[in-house]
Every structure is written in C-alpha cells, then in structure tokens.
N, C-alpha and C. Protein backbone atom coordinates (compact mmCIF):
# COMPACT_ATOMS: atom_id res chain seq x y z
N UNK A 1 96.39 -100.21 -109.98
CA UNK A 1 97.39 -100.08 -111.04
C UNK A 1 97.53 -98.66 -111.56
N UNK A 2 96.84 -97.73 -110.95
CA UNK A 2 96.90 -96.33 -111.38
C UNK A 2 97.99 -95.58 -110.61
N UNK A 3 98.58 -94.58 -111.23
CA UNK A 3 99.56 -93.74 -110.51
C UNK A 3 98.93 -93.11 -109.27
N UNK A 4 99.73 -92.94 -108.21
CA UNK A 4 99.22 -92.36 -106.98
C UNK A 4 100.34 -91.59 -106.27
N UNK A 5 99.98 -90.58 -105.48
CA UNK A 5 100.98 -89.77 -104.79
C UNK A 5 101.64 -90.53 -103.66
N UNK A 6 102.95 -90.31 -103.50
CA UNK A 6 103.72 -90.88 -102.40
C UNK A 6 104.57 -89.76 -101.79
N UNK A 7 104.89 -89.84 -100.50
CA UNK A 7 105.69 -88.78 -99.91
C UNK A 7 107.12 -88.76 -100.44
N UNK A 8 107.69 -89.94 -100.67
CA UNK A 8 109.10 -90.03 -101.05
C UNK A 8 109.30 -91.12 -102.10
N UNK A 9 110.32 -90.92 -102.93
CA UNK A 9 110.73 -91.94 -103.90
C UNK A 9 112.25 -91.96 -103.92
N UNK A 10 112.82 -93.13 -104.06
CA UNK A 10 114.27 -93.25 -104.12
C UNK A 10 114.81 -92.64 -105.41
N UNK A 11 115.98 -92.02 -105.32
CA UNK A 11 116.58 -91.36 -106.49
C UNK A 11 116.75 -92.29 -107.67
N UNK A 12 117.06 -93.53 -107.42
CA UNK A 12 117.26 -94.46 -108.51
C UNK A 12 115.95 -94.74 -109.24
N UNK A 13 114.85 -94.27 -108.67
CA UNK A 13 113.53 -94.53 -109.25
C UNK A 13 112.81 -93.26 -109.66
N UNK A 14 113.51 -92.15 -109.77
CA UNK A 14 112.88 -90.87 -110.11
C UNK A 14 113.09 -90.51 -111.57
N UNK A 15 112.09 -89.86 -112.10
CA UNK A 15 112.20 -89.26 -113.42
C UNK A 15 111.42 -87.95 -113.39
N UNK A 16 112.01 -86.92 -113.97
CA UNK A 16 111.33 -85.63 -114.08
C UNK A 16 111.94 -84.88 -115.25
N UNK A 17 111.24 -83.87 -115.71
CA UNK A 17 111.79 -83.09 -116.80
C UNK A 17 112.94 -82.23 -116.29
N UNK A 18 113.80 -81.87 -117.19
CA UNK A 18 114.93 -81.00 -116.83
C UNK A 18 114.38 -79.64 -116.35
N UNK A 19 113.30 -79.19 -116.97
CA UNK A 19 112.69 -77.92 -116.59
C UNK A 19 112.23 -77.95 -115.13
N UNK A 20 111.56 -79.03 -114.71
CA UNK A 20 111.13 -79.13 -113.32
C UNK A 20 112.33 -79.23 -112.39
N UNK A 21 113.31 -80.04 -112.77
CA UNK A 21 114.52 -80.20 -111.96
C UNK A 21 115.19 -78.85 -111.71
N UNK A 22 115.29 -78.03 -112.75
CA UNK A 22 115.87 -76.69 -112.61
C UNK A 22 114.98 -75.78 -111.76
N UNK A 23 113.66 -75.85 -111.98
CA UNK A 23 112.71 -75.00 -111.26
C UNK A 23 112.75 -75.23 -109.76
N UNK A 24 112.86 -76.50 -109.35
CA UNK A 24 112.85 -76.81 -107.92
C UNK A 24 114.23 -76.67 -107.28
N UNK A 25 115.22 -76.30 -108.07
CA UNK A 25 116.54 -76.03 -107.50
C UNK A 25 117.53 -77.17 -107.56
N UNK A 26 117.27 -78.16 -108.41
CA UNK A 26 118.19 -79.29 -108.59
C UNK A 26 118.45 -80.01 -107.28
N UNK A 27 119.45 -80.89 -107.27
CA UNK A 27 119.81 -81.56 -106.02
C UNK A 27 120.45 -80.55 -105.08
N UNK A 28 120.20 -80.73 -103.80
CA UNK A 28 120.82 -79.89 -102.80
C UNK A 28 122.27 -80.32 -102.62
N UNK A 29 123.07 -79.46 -102.01
CA UNK A 29 124.50 -79.74 -101.79
C UNK A 29 124.69 -80.61 -100.57
N UNK A 30 124.48 -81.88 -100.77
CA UNK A 30 124.66 -82.85 -99.70
C UNK A 30 126.11 -83.33 -99.67
N UNK A 31 126.45 -84.02 -98.62
CA UNK A 31 127.77 -84.62 -98.48
C UNK A 31 127.65 -86.08 -98.87
N UNK A 32 128.55 -86.56 -99.69
CA UNK A 32 128.59 -87.97 -100.05
C UNK A 32 127.22 -88.40 -100.56
N UNK A 33 126.75 -89.56 -100.12
CA UNK A 33 125.46 -90.07 -100.55
C UNK A 33 124.52 -90.17 -99.37
N UNK A 34 123.24 -90.14 -99.65
CA UNK A 34 122.25 -90.34 -98.61
C UNK A 34 121.45 -89.09 -98.32
N UNK A 35 120.16 -89.18 -98.40
CA UNK A 35 119.18 -88.14 -98.09
C UNK A 35 118.87 -87.21 -99.25
N UNK A 36 119.64 -87.24 -100.34
CA UNK A 36 119.34 -86.32 -101.44
C UNK A 36 117.97 -86.61 -102.04
N UNK A 37 117.57 -87.87 -102.07
CA UNK A 37 116.26 -88.22 -102.59
C UNK A 37 115.15 -87.77 -101.65
N UNK A 38 115.35 -87.97 -100.36
CA UNK A 38 114.36 -87.55 -99.36
C UNK A 38 114.19 -86.03 -99.40
N UNK A 39 115.30 -85.31 -99.37
CA UNK A 39 115.23 -83.84 -99.39
C UNK A 39 114.56 -83.35 -100.66
N UNK A 40 114.91 -83.90 -101.80
CA UNK A 40 114.32 -83.46 -103.07
C UNK A 40 112.82 -83.72 -103.09
N UNK A 41 112.38 -84.88 -102.62
CA UNK A 41 110.95 -85.19 -102.61
C UNK A 41 110.18 -84.23 -101.70
N UNK A 42 110.71 -83.99 -100.50
CA UNK A 42 110.04 -83.04 -99.60
C UNK A 42 109.96 -81.67 -100.26
N UNK A 43 111.06 -81.23 -100.85
CA UNK A 43 111.08 -79.91 -101.51
C UNK A 43 110.08 -79.83 -102.66
N UNK A 44 110.01 -80.88 -103.46
CA UNK A 44 109.06 -80.91 -104.58
C UNK A 44 107.63 -80.70 -104.07
N UNK A 45 107.27 -81.45 -103.03
CA UNK A 45 105.93 -81.29 -102.45
C UNK A 45 105.72 -79.88 -101.90
N UNK A 46 106.69 -79.36 -101.16
CA UNK A 46 106.52 -78.05 -100.52
C UNK A 46 106.49 -76.92 -101.54
N UNK A 47 107.11 -77.13 -102.68
CA UNK A 47 107.07 -76.11 -103.74
C UNK A 47 105.81 -76.21 -104.59
N UNK A 48 104.93 -77.14 -104.26
CA UNK A 48 103.63 -77.22 -104.91
C UNK A 48 103.53 -78.25 -106.03
N UNK A 49 104.50 -79.12 -106.14
CA UNK A 49 104.46 -80.19 -107.14
C UNK A 49 104.14 -81.50 -106.44
N UNK A 50 104.13 -82.59 -107.19
CA UNK A 50 103.78 -83.89 -106.63
C UNK A 50 104.85 -84.93 -106.95
N UNK A 51 104.92 -85.93 -106.09
CA UNK A 51 105.74 -87.11 -106.34
C UNK A 51 104.74 -88.24 -106.55
N UNK A 52 104.78 -88.82 -107.72
CA UNK A 52 103.78 -89.82 -108.11
C UNK A 52 104.45 -91.16 -108.35
N UNK A 53 103.88 -92.21 -107.78
CA UNK A 53 104.33 -93.58 -108.03
C UNK A 53 103.55 -94.12 -109.22
N UNK A 54 104.26 -94.67 -110.18
CA UNK A 54 103.63 -95.28 -111.34
C UNK A 54 103.88 -96.79 -111.22
N UNK A 55 102.86 -97.54 -110.78
CA UNK A 55 103.06 -98.96 -110.48
C UNK A 55 103.62 -99.80 -111.63
N UNK A 56 103.27 -99.51 -112.85
CA UNK A 56 103.72 -100.33 -113.97
C UNK A 56 105.10 -99.99 -114.48
N UNK A 57 105.71 -98.94 -113.95
CA UNK A 57 107.02 -98.52 -114.45
C UNK A 57 108.10 -99.52 -114.05
N UNK A 58 109.02 -99.77 -114.96
CA UNK A 58 110.15 -100.63 -114.66
C UNK A 58 111.39 -99.77 -114.59
N UNK A 59 112.18 -99.98 -113.54
CA UNK A 59 113.38 -99.19 -113.32
C UNK A 59 114.57 -100.14 -113.17
N UNK A 60 115.63 -99.83 -113.87
CA UNK A 60 116.87 -100.60 -113.72
C UNK A 60 117.90 -99.70 -113.05
N UNK A 61 118.70 -100.28 -112.19
CA UNK A 61 119.72 -99.51 -111.50
C UNK A 61 120.96 -100.37 -111.36
N UNK A 62 122.08 -99.88 -111.82
CA UNK A 62 123.34 -100.60 -111.69
C UNK A 62 124.05 -100.09 -110.45
N UNK A 63 124.27 -100.97 -109.52
CA UNK A 63 124.97 -100.61 -108.31
C UNK A 63 126.47 -100.69 -108.55
N UNK A 64 127.20 -99.90 -107.82
CA UNK A 64 128.66 -99.95 -107.91
C UNK A 64 129.14 -101.31 -107.41
N UNK A 65 130.26 -101.77 -107.95
CA UNK A 65 130.80 -103.06 -107.53
C UNK A 65 131.27 -103.02 -106.09
N UNK A 66 131.87 -101.92 -105.70
CA UNK A 66 132.36 -101.77 -104.34
C UNK A 66 131.42 -100.82 -103.59
N UNK A 67 131.11 -101.13 -102.34
CA UNK A 67 130.29 -100.18 -101.58
C UNK A 67 131.03 -98.87 -101.37
N UNK A 68 130.28 -97.80 -101.33
CA UNK A 68 130.89 -96.50 -101.11
C UNK A 68 130.77 -96.14 -99.63
N UNK A 69 131.83 -95.60 -99.07
CA UNK A 69 131.80 -95.28 -97.64
C UNK A 69 130.98 -94.01 -97.37
N UNK A 70 130.15 -94.08 -96.39
CA UNK A 70 129.40 -92.91 -95.91
C UNK A 70 129.59 -92.87 -94.41
N UNK A 71 130.34 -91.88 -93.94
CA UNK A 71 130.61 -91.76 -92.52
C UNK A 71 129.50 -91.05 -91.77
N UNK A 72 129.54 -91.17 -90.45
CA UNK A 72 128.53 -90.53 -89.61
C UNK A 72 128.45 -89.03 -89.86
N UNK A 73 129.59 -88.38 -90.03
CA UNK A 73 129.60 -86.94 -90.24
C UNK A 73 128.76 -86.57 -91.46
N UNK A 74 129.00 -87.22 -92.59
CA UNK A 74 128.27 -86.92 -93.81
C UNK A 74 126.79 -87.27 -93.69
N UNK A 75 126.51 -88.42 -93.12
CA UNK A 75 125.13 -88.85 -92.93
C UNK A 75 124.36 -87.85 -92.06
N UNK A 76 124.95 -87.46 -90.93
CA UNK A 76 124.30 -86.50 -90.05
C UNK A 76 124.17 -85.13 -90.70
N UNK A 77 125.20 -84.72 -91.41
CA UNK A 77 125.15 -83.44 -92.12
C UNK A 77 123.94 -83.41 -93.05
N UNK A 78 123.77 -84.47 -93.82
CA UNK A 78 122.65 -84.53 -94.78
C UNK A 78 121.30 -84.53 -94.07
N UNK A 79 121.19 -85.26 -92.98
CA UNK A 79 119.93 -85.27 -92.23
C UNK A 79 119.65 -83.92 -91.60
N UNK A 80 120.67 -83.31 -91.02
CA UNK A 80 120.51 -81.99 -90.42
C UNK A 80 120.12 -80.96 -91.48
N UNK A 81 120.76 -81.03 -92.62
CA UNK A 81 120.48 -80.08 -93.70
C UNK A 81 119.02 -80.20 -94.14
N UNK A 82 118.55 -81.42 -94.31
CA UNK A 82 117.16 -81.64 -94.70
C UNK A 82 116.21 -81.09 -93.64
N UNK A 83 116.50 -81.36 -92.39
CA UNK A 83 115.64 -80.90 -91.30
C UNK A 83 115.58 -79.38 -91.24
N UNK A 84 116.74 -78.73 -91.30
CA UNK A 84 116.79 -77.26 -91.19
C UNK A 84 116.14 -76.60 -92.41
N UNK A 85 116.28 -77.19 -93.57
CA UNK A 85 115.68 -76.60 -94.77
C UNK A 85 114.16 -76.61 -94.72
N UNK A 86 113.58 -77.64 -94.11
CA UNK A 86 112.14 -77.82 -94.28
C UNK A 86 111.30 -77.77 -93.01
N UNK A 87 111.88 -77.99 -91.87
CA UNK A 87 111.07 -78.08 -90.65
C UNK A 87 111.31 -76.89 -89.73
N UNK A 88 110.32 -76.63 -88.90
CA UNK A 88 110.35 -75.52 -87.95
C UNK A 88 109.84 -76.00 -86.60
N UNK A 89 110.02 -75.15 -85.61
CA UNK A 89 109.39 -75.33 -84.31
C UNK A 89 109.63 -76.69 -83.67
N UNK A 90 108.57 -77.23 -83.10
CA UNK A 90 108.66 -78.48 -82.35
C UNK A 90 109.13 -79.66 -83.20
N UNK A 91 108.64 -79.84 -84.43
CA UNK A 91 109.17 -80.94 -85.24
C UNK A 91 110.68 -80.84 -85.45
N UNK A 92 111.18 -79.65 -85.73
CA UNK A 92 112.63 -79.48 -85.91
C UNK A 92 113.36 -79.78 -84.61
N UNK A 93 112.83 -79.31 -83.50
CA UNK A 93 113.46 -79.60 -82.20
C UNK A 93 113.52 -81.09 -81.92
N UNK A 94 112.46 -81.82 -82.28
CA UNK A 94 112.44 -83.28 -82.06
C UNK A 94 113.47 -83.98 -82.95
N UNK A 95 113.58 -83.53 -84.20
CA UNK A 95 114.57 -84.12 -85.11
C UNK A 95 115.97 -83.88 -84.57
N UNK A 96 116.25 -82.64 -84.18
CA UNK A 96 117.58 -82.31 -83.64
C UNK A 96 117.88 -83.10 -82.37
N UNK A 97 116.90 -83.23 -81.50
CA UNK A 97 117.09 -83.98 -80.26
C UNK A 97 117.40 -85.45 -80.55
N UNK A 98 116.75 -86.00 -81.56
CA UNK A 98 116.99 -87.42 -81.88
C UNK A 98 118.37 -87.64 -82.49
N UNK A 99 118.93 -86.61 -83.11
CA UNK A 99 120.24 -86.75 -83.75
C UNK A 99 121.40 -86.37 -82.82
N UNK A 100 121.14 -85.63 -81.77
CA UNK A 100 122.20 -85.15 -80.87
C UNK A 100 123.02 -86.25 -80.25
N UNK A 101 122.45 -87.40 -80.08
CA UNK A 101 123.17 -88.50 -79.42
C UNK A 101 124.05 -89.29 -80.39
N UNK A 102 123.98 -88.98 -81.66
CA UNK A 102 124.74 -89.72 -82.67
C UNK A 102 126.20 -89.28 -82.70
N UNK A 103 127.09 -90.22 -83.05
CA UNK A 103 128.50 -89.83 -83.20
C UNK A 103 128.64 -88.74 -84.26
N UNK A 104 129.53 -87.83 -84.06
CA UNK A 104 129.86 -86.76 -85.00
C UNK A 104 128.78 -85.69 -85.13
N UNK A 105 127.80 -85.65 -84.22
CA UNK A 105 126.76 -84.64 -84.31
C UNK A 105 127.33 -83.22 -84.29
N UNK A 106 128.20 -82.95 -83.33
CA UNK A 106 128.75 -81.59 -83.19
C UNK A 106 129.50 -81.16 -84.43
N UNK A 107 130.30 -82.07 -84.99
CA UNK A 107 131.07 -81.74 -86.20
C UNK A 107 130.15 -81.51 -87.39
N UNK A 108 129.12 -82.35 -87.52
CA UNK A 108 128.18 -82.20 -88.63
C UNK A 108 127.41 -80.88 -88.51
N UNK A 109 127.00 -80.53 -87.30
CA UNK A 109 126.28 -79.27 -87.09
C UNK A 109 127.18 -78.09 -87.38
N UNK A 110 128.42 -78.15 -86.95
CA UNK A 110 129.37 -77.06 -87.23
C UNK A 110 129.57 -76.89 -88.73
N UNK A 111 129.69 -77.99 -89.45
CA UNK A 111 129.84 -77.93 -90.91
C UNK A 111 128.61 -77.32 -91.56
N UNK A 112 127.45 -77.72 -91.07
CA UNK A 112 126.20 -77.19 -91.62
C UNK A 112 126.11 -75.68 -91.45
N UNK A 113 126.45 -75.20 -90.27
CA UNK A 113 126.29 -73.78 -89.96
C UNK A 113 127.20 -72.88 -90.77
N UNK A 114 128.30 -73.41 -91.29
CA UNK A 114 129.19 -72.60 -92.13
C UNK A 114 129.03 -72.90 -93.62
N UNK A 115 128.02 -73.72 -93.96
CA UNK A 115 127.76 -74.06 -95.36
C UNK A 115 126.87 -72.99 -95.99
N UNK A 116 126.35 -73.28 -97.16
CA UNK A 116 125.43 -72.38 -97.84
C UNK A 116 123.98 -72.60 -97.41
N UNK A 117 123.78 -73.23 -96.25
CA UNK A 117 122.44 -73.60 -95.79
C UNK A 117 121.48 -72.41 -95.74
N UNK A 118 121.96 -71.25 -95.37
CA UNK A 118 121.04 -70.12 -95.19
C UNK A 118 120.58 -69.56 -96.53
N UNK A 119 121.42 -69.56 -97.53
CA UNK A 119 121.00 -69.15 -98.87
C UNK A 119 119.98 -70.14 -99.43
N UNK A 120 120.25 -71.43 -99.24
CA UNK A 120 119.33 -72.46 -99.71
C UNK A 120 118.01 -72.37 -98.95
N UNK A 121 118.09 -72.14 -97.65
CA UNK A 121 116.91 -71.99 -96.80
C UNK A 121 116.04 -70.86 -97.33
N UNK A 122 116.67 -69.74 -97.67
CA UNK A 122 115.94 -68.59 -98.20
C UNK A 122 115.24 -68.95 -99.52
N UNK A 123 115.92 -69.67 -100.41
CA UNK A 123 115.32 -70.09 -101.68
C UNK A 123 114.09 -70.96 -101.44
N UNK A 124 114.24 -71.96 -100.58
CA UNK A 124 113.15 -72.90 -100.32
C UNK A 124 111.97 -72.16 -99.69
N UNK A 125 112.23 -71.37 -98.67
CA UNK A 125 111.15 -70.68 -97.96
C UNK A 125 110.45 -69.64 -98.83
N UNK A 126 111.18 -68.99 -99.72
CA UNK A 126 110.58 -67.97 -100.59
C UNK A 126 109.69 -68.57 -101.67
N UNK A 127 109.94 -69.83 -102.00
CA UNK A 127 109.23 -70.44 -103.13
C UNK A 127 108.22 -71.51 -102.74
N UNK A 128 108.17 -71.87 -101.49
CA UNK A 128 107.27 -72.97 -101.14
C UNK A 128 105.81 -72.52 -101.09
N UNK A 129 104.97 -73.47 -101.44
CA UNK A 129 103.51 -73.26 -101.42
C UNK A 129 102.90 -73.87 -100.16
N UNK A 130 103.61 -74.83 -99.57
CA UNK A 130 103.16 -75.52 -98.36
C UNK A 130 104.31 -75.54 -97.37
N UNK A 131 103.98 -75.75 -96.10
CA UNK A 131 105.04 -75.91 -95.11
C UNK A 131 105.13 -77.38 -94.70
N UNK A 132 106.11 -77.70 -93.88
CA UNK A 132 106.34 -79.09 -93.48
C UNK A 132 105.17 -79.65 -92.68
N UNK A 133 104.48 -78.79 -91.94
CA UNK A 133 103.30 -79.27 -91.21
C UNK A 133 102.26 -79.81 -92.19
N UNK A 134 102.06 -79.11 -93.29
CA UNK A 134 101.14 -79.57 -94.33
C UNK A 134 101.59 -80.94 -94.86
N UNK A 135 102.89 -81.06 -95.17
CA UNK A 135 103.44 -82.31 -95.70
C UNK A 135 103.18 -83.46 -94.72
N UNK A 136 103.43 -83.23 -93.45
CA UNK A 136 103.22 -84.27 -92.44
C UNK A 136 101.75 -84.64 -92.31
N UNK A 137 100.88 -83.65 -92.35
CA UNK A 137 99.43 -83.95 -92.30
C UNK A 137 99.00 -84.72 -93.55
N UNK A 138 99.48 -84.29 -94.70
CA UNK A 138 99.10 -84.88 -95.97
C UNK A 138 99.40 -86.39 -96.01
N UNK A 139 100.53 -86.76 -95.42
CA UNK A 139 100.95 -88.17 -95.48
C UNK A 139 100.94 -88.86 -94.12
N UNK A 140 100.26 -88.22 -93.15
CA UNK A 140 100.09 -88.80 -91.81
C UNK A 140 101.45 -89.21 -91.22
N UNK A 141 102.40 -88.29 -91.29
CA UNK A 141 103.73 -88.50 -90.74
C UNK A 141 103.80 -87.81 -89.38
N UNK A 142 104.19 -88.54 -88.37
CA UNK A 142 104.28 -88.00 -87.03
C UNK A 142 105.75 -87.84 -86.65
N UNK A 143 106.17 -86.59 -86.53
CA UNK A 143 107.57 -86.33 -86.16
C UNK A 143 107.62 -85.94 -84.69
C-alpha cells in the first residue's frame, strides 16, 4: 500500500506541481492525442525526477461522449517523436524498424523532420541526468 516508482503513468492519472511541469518542459508538441503521457514520463525520469504510483489515490476522469479520431499519421508522428527525443543507437534503430511497416510512416517521418524536434531534442539532451539505456535497465525494458 506504499507509493512506489513506475516507468509510466497515464495522463488522466498524473499530478505534479506547476513548478515541476514547467521545469521538465511541459507537454511536448504532439499531434492529436496519444503518447504525450509516455513521452512525459520518460522525460521526467531522464531529467532526474521520479514517477510514483500512489496505490490509495482515487482518480476520476470524464471521457468525451464521442470518440476522437486519431489517424495513423498522428499516432506514428507521436511515437517517432518520443523515440527520437529519448533513444539512441540500436534501440532507436529497432523502434524505427518496427514502425517502418506501418501506414503513413513516410509522411509521419517527413512531418517530424521539419518540426521543432531538434530544438526539443537539444533541450532534453542538455538537461537529462540519465539516458534511455539507464531507463530501460531501471525498469527491465527490452527494446
């Protein structure tokens, strides 16, 4: 029943101070919905902070009445953005290889390359205390 570290938490279940949110760079510029929680959690860990699960916490979330459309282009863009921001070398190559077969991969990659990804990449890399290899070892994640 005690709080414990977790690699990721869903956005609908996150709470943090405004000061921390600003310090870690707020939400990244994702397309539509999807992956913003994953990217933020990875970034929080790599910048030297923690994501903690509090078992006794109660969270309420109101879902929209109508589902929101998320196309392959936006979904892939968000996954690619997360991968490029945080991973290097062989893990990044494996992530890219797994996404290359998906519909709209080329369009999503083209959009990513002309986005602000490199400025964001510079911010993340300049401020991180750990790299993605550390994150994967810490939580026994095999990419």
